[in-house]
């Protein structure tokens, strides 16, 4: 069997009778697939200067805003503990991607107060 026959679909025109068939060639879609960038590639990067930066971000039309926290020093367990404390204190959801904490909603002022009470240097960055 010829390989060109595998890429053919038979279809009928809506305007003509169903007995009249025409050939439609299917385009190969392997070249048209665009790589999806992860959310992590869109997040603010950590300058690693010891200052915790708190950003507000929103992705897409009509979606709510998120608070993104970068620059927290410590182990993964420390980041998980901070995330848990913030979620309980703010009463909202959140998750961690690598060394970045993402909290649902715009809570920059409250998060800034949380870190200042712990003696950390904090900057509210972004819009």
C-alpha atoms as a PDB file:
ATOM      1  CA  UNK A   1       0.000   0.000   0.000  1.00  0.00           C
ATOM      2  CA  UNK A   2       1.251   3.489  -0.829  1.00  0.00           C
ATOM      3  CA  UNK A   3       2.045   5.903   2.077  1.00  0.00           C
ATOM      4  CA  UNK A   4       0.229   8.759   0.345  1.00  0.00           C
ATOM      5  CA  UNK A   5      -3.116   6.989   0.881  1.00  0.00           C
ATOM      6  CA  UNK A   6      -2.674   7.118   4.677  1.00  0.00           C
ATOM      7  CA  UNK A   7      -2.929  10.915   4.674  1.00  0.00           C
ATOM      8  CA  UNK A   8      -6.245  11.118   2.765  1.00  0.00           C
ATOM      9  CA  UNK A   9      -9.724  11.647   4.212  1.00  0.00           C
ATOM     10  CA  UNK A  10     -12.911  11.284   2.191  1.00  0.00           C
ATOM     11  CA  UNK A  11     -15.539  13.888   2.808  1.00  0.00           C
ATOM     12  CA  UNK A  12     -18.752  15.090   1.222  1.00  0.00           C
ATOM     13  CA  UNK A  13     -19.591  18.676   0.315  1.00  0.00           C
ATOM     14  CA  UNK A  14     -22.533  20.183   2.145  1.00  0.00           C
ATOM     15  CA  UNK A  15     -23.788  21.894  -1.006  1.00  0.00           C
ATOM     16  CA  UNK A  16     -23.823  18.791  -3.197  1.00  0.00           C
ATOM     17  CA  UNK A  17     -25.254  15.343  -2.791  1.00  0.00           C
ATOM     18  CA  UNK A  18     -23.430  13.011  -0.442  1.00  0.00           C
ATOM     19  CA  UNK A  19     -22.544  10.706  -3.340  1.00  0.00           C
ATOM     20  CA  UNK A  20     -20.163  13.338  -4.746  1.00  0.00           C
ATOM     21  CA  UNK A  21     -16.969  12.887  -2.779  1.00  0.00           C
ATOM     22  CA  UNK A  22     -13.838  14.947  -2.836  1.00  0.00           C
ATOM     23  CA  UNK A  23     -10.339  14.250  -1.599  1.00  0.00           C
ATOM     24  CA  UNK A  24      -8.891  16.247   1.263  1.00  0.00           C
ATOM     25  CA  UNK A  25      -5.252  15.926   2.167  1.00  0.00           C
ATOM     26  CA  UNK A  26      -4.358  16.169   5.823  1.00  0.00           C
ATOM     27  CA  UNK A  27      -1.465  18.443   6.673  1.00  0.00           C
ATOM     28  CA  UNK A  28       1.225  16.951   8.812  1.00  0.00           C
ATOM     29  CA  UNK A  29       0.866  18.596  12.197  1.00  0.00           C
ATOM     30  CA  UNK A  30       4.259  17.806  13.633  1.00  0.00           C
ATOM     31  CA  UNK A  31       5.717  21.110  12.432  1.00  0.00           C
ATOM     32  CA  UNK A  32       2.760  23.185  13.622  1.00  0.00           C
ATOM     33  CA  UNK A  33       2.944  22.205  17.300  1.00  0.00           C
ATOM     34  CA  UNK A  34       4.255  25.078  19.387  1.00  0.00           C
ATOM     35  CA  UNK A  35       6.046  24.300  22.604  1.00  0.00           C
ATOM     36  CA  UNK A  36       4.106  25.420  25.636  1.00  0.00           C
ATOM     37  CA  UNK A  37       6.138  27.467  28.049  1.00  0.00           C
ATOM     38  CA  UNK A  38       5.689  26.610  31.675  1.00  0.00           C
ATOM     39  CA  UNK A  39       4.422  29.139  34.168  1.00  0.00           C
ATOM     40  CA  UNK A  40       7.865  29.111  35.755  1.00  0.00           C
ATOM     41  CA  UNK A  41       9.447  30.709  32.681  1.00  0.00           C
ATOM     42  CA  UNK A  42       7.033  33.663  33.006  1.00  0.00           C
ATOM     43  CA  UNK A  43       7.693  34.282  36.701  1.00  0.00           C
ATOM     44  CA  UNK A  44      10.070  36.996  37.956  1.00  0.00           C
ATOM     45  CA  UNK A  45      13.599  35.701  38.441  1.00  0.00           C
ATOM     46  CA  UNK A  46      15.396  35.797  41.782  1.00  0.00           C
ATOM     47  CA  UNK A  47      18.383  38.192  41.747  1.00  0.00           C
ATOM     48  CA  UNK A  48      19.827  36.332  44.794  1.00  0.00           C
ATOM     49  CA  UNK A  49      20.724  39.477  46.725  1.00  0.00           C
ATOM     50  CA  UNK A  50      19.052  38.497  50.011  1.00  0.00           C
ATOM     51  CA  UNK A  51      16.001  40.706  49.508  1.00  0.00           C
ATOM     52  CA  UNK A  52      12.553  39.128  49.325  1.00  0.00           C
ATOM     53  CA  UNK A  53      10.580  40.565  46.419  1.00  0.00           C
ATOM     54  CA  UNK A  54       6.784  40.438  46.318  1.00  0.00           C
ATOM     55  CA  UNK A  55       5.157  40.814  42.891  1.00  0.00           C
ATOM     56  CA  UNK A  56       1.562  40.866  41.689  1.00  0.00           C
ATOM     57  CA  UNK A  57       0.821  39.004  38.484  1.00  0.00           C
ATOM     58  CA  UNK A  58      -2.248  38.059  36.520  1.00  0.00           C
ATOM     59  CA  UNK A  59      -2.320  35.666  33.612  1.00  0.00           C
ATOM     60  CA  UNK A  60      -4.987  35.912  30.974  1.00  0.00           C
ATOM     61  CA  UNK A  61      -8.072  37.997  30.518  1.00  0.00           C
ATOM     62  CA  UNK A  62     -10.456  38.033  33.433  1.00  0.00           C
ATOM     63  CA  UNK A  63      -8.333  35.866  35.697  1.00  0.00           C
ATOM     64  CA  UNK A  64      -7.661  36.911  39.229  1.00  0.00           C
ATOM     65  CA  UNK A  65      -4.302  38.147  40.391  1.00  0.00           C
ATOM     66  CA  UNK A  66      -1.624  36.169  42.164  1.00  0.00           C
ATOM     67  CA  UNK A  67       1.058  37.269  44.575  1.00  0.00           C
ATOM     68  CA  UNK A  68       4.487  35.949  43.602  1.00  0.00           C
ATOM     69  CA  UNK A  69       7.262  35.823  46.204  1.00  0.00           C
ATOM     70  CA  UNK A  70      10.904  35.351  45.163  1.00  0.00           C
ATOM     71  CA  UNK A  71      14.213  35.631  46.997  1.00  0.00           C
ATOM     72  CA  UNK A  72      13.433  33.557  50.092  1.00  0.00           C
ATOM     73  CA  UNK A  73      16.546  31.934  51.519  1.00  0.00           C
ATOM     74  CA  UNK A  74      16.444  28.506  53.112  1.00  0.00           C
ATOM     75  CA  UNK A  75      15.795  24.869  52.373  1.00  0.00           C
ATOM     76  CA  UNK A  76      12.783  23.350  50.661  1.00  0.00           C
ATOM     77  CA  UNK A  77      11.337  22.509  54.082  1.00  0.00           C
ATOM     78  CA  UNK A  78      11.643  26.181  55.080  1.00  0.00           C
ATOM     79  CA  UNK A  79       9.807  27.253  51.923  1.00  0.00           C
ATOM     80  CA  UNK A  80       7.064  24.692  52.554  1.00  0.00           C
ATOM     81  CA  UNK A  81       6.658  25.952  56.141  1.00  0.00           C
ATOM     82  CA  UNK A  82       6.442  29.595  54.984  1.00  0.00           C
ATOM     83  CA  UNK A  83       3.906  28.620  52.316  1.00  0.00           C
ATOM     84  CA  UNK A  84       1.796  26.761  54.853  1.00  0.00           C
ATOM     85  CA  UNK A  85       1.911  29.667  57.317  1.00  0.00           C
ATOM     86  CA  UNK A  86       0.938  32.209  54.651  1.00  0.00           C
ATOM     87  CA  UNK A  87      -1.946  30.091  53.367  1.00  0.00           C
ATOM     88  CA  UNK A  88      -3.327  29.718  56.907  1.00  0.00           C
ATOM     89  CA  UNK A  89      -2.833  33.383  57.800  1.00  0.00           C
ATOM     90  CA  UNK A  90      -4.362  34.699  54.563  1.00  0.00           C
ATOM     91  CA  UNK A  91      -7.077  32.062  54.213  1.00  0.00           C
ATOM     92  CA  UNK A  92      -6.275  31.409  50.585  1.00  0.00           C
ATOM     93  CA  UNK A  93      -4.627  28.857  48.327  1.00  0.00           C
ATOM     94  CA  UNK A  94      -1.129  28.800  47.002  1.00  0.00           C
ATOM     95  CA  UNK A  95       1.666  26.610  45.742  1.00  0.00           C
ATOM     96  CA  UNK A  96       5.413  26.539  45.257  1.00  0.00           C
ATOM     97  CA  UNK A  97       7.361  26.266  42.009  1.00  0.00           C
ATOM     98  CA  UNK A  98      11.068  25.702  42.571  1.00  0.00           C
ATOM     99  CA  UNK A  99      12.152  28.581  44.887  1.00  0.00           C
ATOM    100  CA  UNK A 100       9.116  30.750  44.106  1.00  0.00           C
ATOM    101  CA  UNK A 101       5.936  30.904  46.204  1.00  0.00           C
ATOM    102  CA  UNK A 102       2.655  31.797  44.491  1.00  0.00           C
ATOM    103  CA  UNK A 103      -0.332  32.863  46.597  1.00  0.00           C
ATOM    104  CA  UNK A 104      -3.808  33.336  45.120  1.00  0.00           C
ATOM    105  CA  UNK A 105      -5.062  36.901  45.324  1.00  0.00           C
ATOM    106  CA  UNK A 106      -3.355  40.245  45.850  1.00  0.00           C
ATOM    107  CA  UNK A 107      -1.936  40.059  49.399  1.00  0.00           C
ATOM    108  CA  UNK A 108       1.313  42.000  48.970  1.00  0.00           C
ATOM    109  CA  UNK A 109       0.894  44.254  52.012  1.00  0.00           C
ATOM    110  CA  UNK A 110      -0.012  41.410  54.385  1.00  0.00           C
ATOM    111  CA  UNK A 111       2.827  39.225  53.103  1.00  0.00           C
ATOM    112  CA  UNK A 112       5.239  42.146  53.452  1.00  0.00           C
ATOM    113  CA  UNK A 113       4.173  42.573  57.099  1.00  0.00           C
ATOM    114  CA  UNK A 114       4.650  38.825  57.695  1.00  0.00           C
ATOM    115  CA  UNK A 115       8.272  38.896  56.519  1.00  0.00           C
ATOM    116  CA  UNK A 116       9.097  42.212  58.220  1.00  0.00           C
ATOM    117  CA  UNK A 117       7.974  40.743  61.556  1.00  0.00           C
ATOM    118  CA  UNK A 118      10.468  37.923  60.945  1.00  0.00           C
ATOM    119  CA  UNK A 119      13.235  40.498  60.377  1.00  0.00           C
ATOM    120  CA  UNK A 120      13.617  40.006  56.608  1.00  0.00           C
ATOM    121  CA  UNK A 121      14.299  42.709  54.026  1.00  0.00           C
ATOM    122  CA  UNK A 122      11.262  43.032  51.759  1.00  0.00           C
ATOM    123  CA  UNK A 123      10.533  45.008  48.600  1.00  0.00           C
ATOM    124  CA  UNK A 124       7.120  45.236  46.955  1.00  0.00           C
ATOM    125  CA  UNK A 125       7.911  45.068  43.254  1.00  0.00           C
ATOM    126  CA  UNK A 126       5.832  45.236  40.106  1.00  0.00           C
ATOM    127  CA  UNK A 127       2.310  46.507  39.570  1.00  0.00           C
END
